[in-house]
Structures are given as structure tokens and as C-alpha cells.
Amino acid sequence: MLTRKSGKDVLMYHLTEENFDIEVLRETGAVVVMFYEKWCPKCSMTRPYAEELEEKYRGRVRFCEVEVEESPRLAAVYGADIVPAFLLVRGGAVKAFMKGVVGDEVLEKRLKELL
């Protein structure tokens, strides 16, 4: 789903329990999943950087989001009890998981390792 955020187009796939397997686990390439809550101020602070990375790595990495209240089973399965949380997957295998506010440099470093 192409969404418009901060005046620019951002391609962020909105995931639910129904489409997570197809969009993430069956994807052969690199995927970043951001677990978030609508009410979470730290999620709102982190989102702009995730959007910048999506724009920078578009075509090489699929960026997705999971709203935890909407998909609590996914949050439980992946341990996203603290938000924001980032799940990094390549070829259907989890390569990294980070909880809480992650520094911009750390997130991009882990993303580069995923490639």
C-alpha cells in the first residue's frame, strides 16, 4: 500500500495476521517490519526515520508495519511487547529483532547487514 506521509510517497505495507506469512515469511528478499501502536509517542518519533530508510532502500528492502492492537497474535509470536520494535527478515528467516527506540545509525547498520 502506497501511503503519503510527510508530503512524500512512502511504500509501507500494512500487515495483519491474515497477510503476514505471504508478505514477510514467503518473501525471498529482505523485509523490515515495524511493530507500533497508534498512541505511542516513541513510535511517532521513530517512524520518520523508517520512512527515510524505505525511500533510500526502495526496491531492495520491503518495509512493512504491524499495528499491535490490531494484530496481537503477531506481536506475541515475535515478542513485540515493547514498541516500537523492528523485525528484520531475509528469505523468510528472522535475522534480527530490536525493541524500543533504536538509534538511526544502529537501524541502518542492521539493515545493511541484512542485504
N, C-alpha and C. Protein backbone atom coordinates (compact mmCIF):
# COMPACT_ATOMS: atom_id res chain seq x y z
N MET A 1 0.85 -1.17 0.00
CA MET A 1 0.00 0.00 0.00
C MET A 1 0.89 1.23 0.00
N LEU A 2 0.69 2.10 -0.95
CA LEU A 2 1.44 3.34 -1.03
C LEU A 2 0.72 4.37 -0.17
N THR A 3 1.45 4.90 0.78
CA THR A 3 0.85 5.90 1.66
C THR A 3 1.60 7.21 1.50
N ARG A 4 0.92 8.28 1.80
CA ARG A 4 1.55 9.59 1.71
C ARG A 4 1.81 10.07 3.13
N LYS A 5 3.07 10.23 3.45
CA LYS A 5 3.47 10.67 4.79
C LYS A 5 4.43 11.85 4.63
N SER A 6 4.32 12.80 5.46
CA SER A 6 5.24 13.94 5.49
C SER A 6 5.42 14.57 4.11
N GLY A 7 4.36 14.58 3.28
CA GLY A 7 4.43 15.20 1.98
C GLY A 7 5.14 14.39 0.91
N LYS A 8 5.46 13.13 1.18
CA LYS A 8 6.14 12.31 0.18
C LYS A 8 5.49 10.93 0.15
N ASP A 9 5.70 10.23 -0.94
CA ASP A 9 5.16 8.89 -1.06
C ASP A 9 6.05 7.90 -0.33
N VAL A 10 5.44 7.08 0.49
CA VAL A 10 6.16 6.06 1.25
C VAL A 10 5.46 4.73 0.98
N LEU A 11 6.24 3.75 0.59
CA LEU A 11 5.68 2.43 0.33
C LEU A 11 5.88 1.58 1.59
N MET A 12 4.84 1.51 2.40
CA MET A 12 4.89 0.77 3.66
C MET A 12 3.71 -0.19 3.64
N TYR A 13 4.00 -1.49 3.59
CA TYR A 13 2.94 -2.49 3.55
C TYR A 13 2.32 -2.63 4.94
N HIS A 14 1.02 -2.51 5.02
CA HIS A 14 0.33 -2.68 6.29
C HIS A 14 0.00 -4.17 6.44
N LEU A 15 0.53 -4.78 7.49
CA LEU A 15 0.36 -6.21 7.69
C LEU A 15 -0.68 -6.51 8.77
N THR A 16 -1.34 -7.63 8.58
CA THR A 16 -2.27 -8.17 9.56
C THR A 16 -1.93 -9.64 9.75
N GLU A 17 -2.63 -10.27 10.64
CA GLU A 17 -2.40 -11.71 10.84
C GLU A 17 -2.74 -12.50 9.58
N GLU A 18 -3.61 -11.96 8.74
CA GLU A 18 -4.02 -12.65 7.52
C GLU A 18 -2.96 -12.60 6.42
N ASN A 19 -2.21 -11.51 6.31
CA ASN A 19 -1.27 -11.39 5.19
C ASN A 19 0.21 -11.44 5.59
N PHE A 20 0.51 -11.61 6.86
CA PHE A 20 1.90 -11.60 7.33
C PHE A 20 2.74 -12.69 6.67
N ASP A 21 2.24 -13.91 6.64
CA ASP A 21 3.02 -15.01 6.06
C ASP A 21 3.38 -14.75 4.61
N ILE A 22 2.42 -14.30 3.83
CA ILE A 22 2.67 -14.07 2.40
C ILE A 22 3.64 -12.90 2.19
N GLU A 23 3.43 -11.81 2.90
CA GLU A 23 4.22 -10.60 2.68
C GLU A 23 5.61 -10.64 3.32
N VAL A 24 5.79 -11.47 4.35
CA VAL A 24 7.07 -11.49 5.07
C VAL A 24 7.75 -12.85 4.97
N LEU A 25 7.12 -13.88 5.46
CA LEU A 25 7.78 -15.18 5.57
C LEU A 25 7.99 -15.87 4.23
N ARG A 26 7.15 -15.59 3.26
CA ARG A 26 7.32 -16.20 1.93
C ARG A 26 8.10 -15.30 0.98
N GLU A 27 8.45 -14.13 1.42
CA GLU A 27 9.23 -13.20 0.61
C GLU A 27 10.68 -13.67 0.57
N THR A 28 11.28 -13.73 -0.61
CA THR A 28 12.65 -14.23 -0.73
C THR A 28 13.69 -13.16 -0.41
N GLY A 29 13.32 -11.91 -0.49
CA GLY A 29 14.26 -10.83 -0.23
C GLY A 29 14.24 -10.36 1.21
N ALA A 30 14.77 -9.15 1.39
CA ALA A 30 14.89 -8.54 2.71
C ALA A 30 13.60 -7.79 3.07
N VAL A 31 13.18 -7.95 4.33
CA VAL A 31 11.96 -7.31 4.82
C VAL A 31 12.23 -6.71 6.19
N VAL A 32 11.78 -5.49 6.40
CA VAL A 32 11.81 -4.85 7.72
C VAL A 32 10.37 -4.65 8.15
N VAL A 33 10.05 -5.13 9.35
CA VAL A 33 8.70 -4.98 9.89
C VAL A 33 8.79 -4.11 11.14
N MET A 34 8.04 -3.02 11.14
CA MET A 34 7.96 -2.15 12.32
C MET A 34 6.66 -2.46 13.05
N PHE A 35 6.79 -2.90 14.30
CA PHE A 35 5.62 -3.08 15.18
C PHE A 35 5.41 -1.75 15.89
N TYR A 36 4.18 -1.27 15.90
CA TYR A 36 3.91 0.03 16.50
C TYR A 36 2.50 0.06 17.11
N GLU A 37 2.25 1.12 17.87
CA GLU A 37 0.93 1.42 18.42
C GLU A 37 0.58 2.84 17.97
N LYS A 38 -0.66 3.08 17.63
CA LYS A 38 -1.07 4.41 17.16
C LYS A 38 -0.85 5.49 18.21
N TRP A 39 -1.00 5.13 19.48
CA TRP A 39 -0.91 6.10 20.56
C TRP A 39 0.53 6.31 21.05
N CYS A 40 1.49 5.58 20.55
CA CYS A 40 2.86 5.55 21.07
C CYS A 40 3.71 6.73 20.56
N PRO A 41 4.12 7.65 21.46
CA PRO A 41 4.93 8.79 21.02
C PRO A 41 6.30 8.37 20.50
N LYS A 42 6.88 7.32 21.07
CA LYS A 42 8.20 6.87 20.59
C LYS A 42 8.08 6.27 19.19
N CYS A 43 6.95 5.65 18.90
CA CYS A 43 6.71 5.13 17.55
C CYS A 43 6.62 6.29 16.56
N SER A 44 5.95 7.35 16.97
CA SER A 44 5.82 8.53 16.12
C SER A 44 7.16 9.19 15.87
N MET A 45 8.05 9.13 16.87
CA MET A 45 9.40 9.69 16.71
C MET A 45 10.23 8.83 15.77
N THR A 46 10.06 7.53 15.81
CA THR A 46 10.86 6.60 15.03
C THR A 46 10.39 6.49 13.58
N ARG A 47 9.11 6.63 13.36
CA ARG A 47 8.53 6.44 12.02
C ARG A 47 9.21 7.27 10.92
N PRO A 48 9.50 8.56 11.13
CA PRO A 48 10.11 9.33 10.04
C PRO A 48 11.43 8.72 9.56
N TYR A 49 12.23 8.19 10.47
CA TYR A 49 13.49 7.59 10.04
C TYR A 49 13.24 6.29 9.28
N ALA A 50 12.28 5.49 9.72
CA ALA A 50 11.92 4.28 8.99
C ALA A 50 11.45 4.65 7.58
N GLU A 51 10.72 5.73 7.46
CA GLU A 51 10.26 6.18 6.15
C GLU A 51 11.42 6.64 5.28
N GLU A 52 12.41 7.31 5.87
CA GLU A 52 13.61 7.70 5.12
C GLU A 52 14.34 6.47 4.60
N LEU A 53 14.46 5.46 5.44
CA LEU A 53 15.13 4.23 5.02
C LEU A 53 14.34 3.53 3.92
N GLU A 54 13.02 3.57 4.02
CA GLU A 54 12.20 2.95 2.96
C GLU A 54 12.49 3.62 1.63
N GLU A 55 12.56 4.93 1.64
CA GLU A 55 12.83 5.66 0.40
C GLU A 55 14.23 5.35 -0.12
N LYS A 56 15.20 5.30 0.77
CA LYS A 56 16.59 5.06 0.39
C LYS A 56 16.81 3.64 -0.15
N TYR A 57 16.14 2.65 0.44
CA TYR A 57 16.35 1.25 0.08
C TYR A 57 15.21 0.66 -0.75
N ARG A 58 14.33 1.52 -1.24
CA ARG A 58 13.18 1.05 -2.04
C ARG A 58 13.68 0.20 -3.22
N GLY A 59 13.03 -0.94 -3.40
CA GLY A 59 13.42 -1.86 -4.46
C GLY A 59 14.38 -2.94 -3.99
N ARG A 60 15.05 -2.69 -2.86
CA ARG A 60 15.96 -3.69 -2.29
C ARG A 60 15.44 -4.29 -0.99
N VAL A 61 14.62 -3.52 -0.28
CA VAL A 61 14.07 -3.96 1.00
C VAL A 61 12.58 -3.62 1.02
N ARG A 62 11.77 -4.56 1.47
CA ARG A 62 10.34 -4.32 1.64
C ARG A 62 10.12 -3.83 3.07
N PHE A 63 9.48 -2.69 3.23
CA PHE A 63 9.18 -2.15 4.55
C PHE A 63 7.71 -2.38 4.85
N CYS A 64 7.46 -2.87 6.07
CA CYS A 64 6.10 -3.22 6.48
C CYS A 64 5.84 -2.69 7.88
N GLU A 65 4.57 -2.62 8.24
CA GLU A 65 4.19 -2.19 9.58
C GLU A 65 3.09 -3.09 10.11
N VAL A 66 3.15 -3.33 11.42
CA VAL A 66 2.11 -4.10 12.11
C VAL A 66 1.62 -3.25 13.28
N GLU A 67 0.34 -2.95 13.29
CA GLU A 67 -0.26 -2.23 14.41
C GLU A 67 -0.61 -3.28 15.46
N VAL A 68 0.05 -3.21 16.60
CA VAL A 68 0.00 -4.26 17.62
C VAL A 68 -1.42 -4.52 18.13
N GLU A 69 -2.19 -3.48 18.38
CA GLU A 69 -3.55 -3.68 18.88
C GLU A 69 -4.43 -4.38 17.85
N GLU A 70 -4.13 -4.19 16.58
CA GLU A 70 -4.88 -4.81 15.50
C GLU A 70 -4.47 -6.27 15.29
N SER A 71 -3.20 -6.59 15.59
CA SER A 71 -2.66 -7.94 15.36
C SER A 71 -1.90 -8.43 16.59
N PRO A 72 -2.60 -8.63 17.71
CA PRO A 72 -1.92 -9.01 18.95
C PRO A 72 -1.20 -10.36 18.88
N ARG A 73 -1.71 -11.29 18.09
CA ARG A 73 -1.06 -12.60 17.98
C ARG A 73 0.34 -12.45 17.37
N LEU A 74 0.46 -11.63 16.34
CA LEU A 74 1.78 -11.41 15.73
C LEU A 74 2.74 -10.78 16.73
N ALA A 75 2.25 -9.82 17.47
CA ALA A 75 3.10 -9.17 18.48
C ALA A 75 3.57 -10.19 19.51
N ALA A 76 2.69 -11.08 19.93
CA ALA A 76 3.06 -12.11 20.91
C ALA A 76 4.05 -13.11 20.33
N VAL A 77 3.81 -13.56 19.12
CA VAL A 77 4.69 -14.55 18.48
C VAL A 77 6.10 -14.00 18.34
N TYR A 78 6.23 -12.74 17.98
CA TYR A 78 7.56 -12.16 17.75
C TYR A 78 8.10 -11.38 18.94
N GLY A 79 7.40 -11.38 20.06
CA GLY A 79 7.90 -10.75 21.27
C GLY A 79 7.89 -9.24 21.25
N ALA A 80 6.98 -8.67 20.49
CA ALA A 80 6.90 -7.21 20.40
C ALA A 80 6.05 -6.66 21.54
N ASP A 81 6.54 -6.87 22.76
CA ASP A 81 5.83 -6.37 23.94
C ASP A 81 6.23 -4.94 24.27
N ILE A 82 7.25 -4.44 23.61
CA ILE A 82 7.68 -3.05 23.73
C ILE A 82 7.68 -2.49 22.31
N VAL A 83 7.12 -1.31 22.13
CA VAL A 83 7.11 -0.69 20.81
C VAL A 83 7.78 0.67 20.87
N PRO A 84 8.39 1.09 19.78
CA PRO A 84 8.47 0.38 18.52
C PRO A 84 9.39 -0.83 18.62
N ALA A 85 9.19 -1.75 17.71
CA ALA A 85 10.06 -2.91 17.60
C ALA A 85 10.28 -3.18 16.11
N PHE A 86 11.47 -3.64 15.78
CA PHE A 86 11.80 -3.91 14.38
C PHE A 86 12.23 -5.36 14.21
N LEU A 87 11.59 -6.01 13.27
CA LEU A 87 11.89 -7.39 12.90
C LEU A 87 12.54 -7.33 11.52
N LEU A 88 13.74 -7.92 11.39
CA LEU A 88 14.44 -7.94 10.12
C LEU A 88 14.49 -9.38 9.62
N VAL A 89 13.98 -9.60 8.43
CA VAL A 89 13.80 -10.94 7.88
C VAL A 89 14.44 -10.99 6.49
N ARG A 90 15.08 -12.10 6.19
CA ARG A 90 15.60 -12.33 4.83
C ARG A 90 15.30 -13.76 4.45
N GLY A 91 14.69 -13.94 3.30
CA GLY A 91 14.37 -15.28 2.82
C GLY A 91 13.47 -16.05 3.77
N GLY A 92 12.60 -15.34 4.47
CA GLY A 92 11.67 -15.98 5.39
C GLY A 92 12.23 -16.29 6.76
N ALA A 93 13.51 -16.01 6.99
CA ALA A 93 14.15 -16.30 8.28
C ALA A 93 14.41 -14.99 9.04
N VAL A 94 14.10 -14.99 10.32
CA VAL A 94 14.36 -13.82 11.16
C VAL A 94 15.86 -13.70 11.37
N LYS A 95 16.39 -12.53 11.03
CA LYS A 95 17.83 -12.26 11.16
C LYS A 95 18.14 -11.36 12.35
N ALA A 96 17.19 -10.53 12.73
CA ALA A 96 17.41 -9.63 13.87
C ALA A 96 16.07 -9.14 14.39
N PHE A 97 16.06 -8.78 15.68
CA PHE A 97 14.87 -8.20 16.30
C PHE A 97 15.33 -7.18 17.31
N MET A 98 14.80 -5.97 17.21
CA MET A 98 15.19 -4.89 18.10
C MET A 98 13.95 -4.26 18.70
N LYS A 99 13.97 -4.03 20.02
CA LYS A 99 12.84 -3.44 20.73
C LYS A 99 13.19 -2.05 21.22
N GLY A 100 12.17 -1.22 21.30
CA GLY A 100 12.35 0.12 21.84
C GLY A 100 12.91 1.07 20.80
N VAL A 101 13.24 2.26 21.24
CA VAL A 101 13.79 3.26 20.33
C VAL A 101 15.20 2.82 19.96
N VAL A 102 15.40 2.63 18.68
CA VAL A 102 16.69 2.20 18.15
C VAL A 102 17.31 3.41 17.46
N GLY A 103 18.57 3.66 17.74
CA GLY A 103 19.24 4.78 17.10
C GLY A 103 19.25 4.63 15.58
N ASP A 104 19.21 5.76 14.89
CA ASP A 104 19.17 5.76 13.43
C ASP A 104 20.32 4.96 12.84
N GLU A 105 21.52 5.18 13.37
CA GLU A 105 22.70 4.50 12.83
C GLU A 105 22.62 3.00 13.05
N VAL A 106 22.11 2.59 14.20
CA VAL A 106 22.00 1.16 14.52
C VAL A 106 21.02 0.48 13.57
N LEU A 107 19.89 1.10 13.35
CA LEU A 107 18.89 0.51 12.47
C LEU A 107 19.43 0.37 11.05
N GLU A 108 20.09 1.40 10.55
CA GLU A 108 20.62 1.31 9.19
C GLU A 108 21.76 0.31 9.11
N LYS A 109 22.59 0.23 10.14
CA LYS A 109 23.68 -0.76 10.15
C LYS A 109 23.10 -2.17 10.06
N ARG A 110 22.10 -2.45 10.86
CA ARG A 110 21.47 -3.79 10.83
C ARG A 110 20.81 -4.05 9.48
N LEU A 111 20.24 -3.01 8.90
CA LEU A 111 19.62 -3.13 7.59
C LEU A 111 20.67 -3.48 6.53
N LYS A 112 21.81 -2.83 6.58
CA LYS A 112 22.89 -3.13 5.63
C LYS A 112 23.38 -4.56 5.80
N GLU A 113 23.44 -5.04 7.04
CA GLU A 113 23.84 -6.43 7.29
C GLU A 113 22.83 -7.40 6.69
N LEU A 114 21.58 -7.00 6.65
CA LEU A 114 20.52 -7.83 6.10
C LEU A 114 20.69 -8.03 4.59
N LEU A 115 21.26 -7.03 3.94
CA LEU A 115 21.45 -7.10 2.49
C LEU A 115 22.66 -7.95 2.16
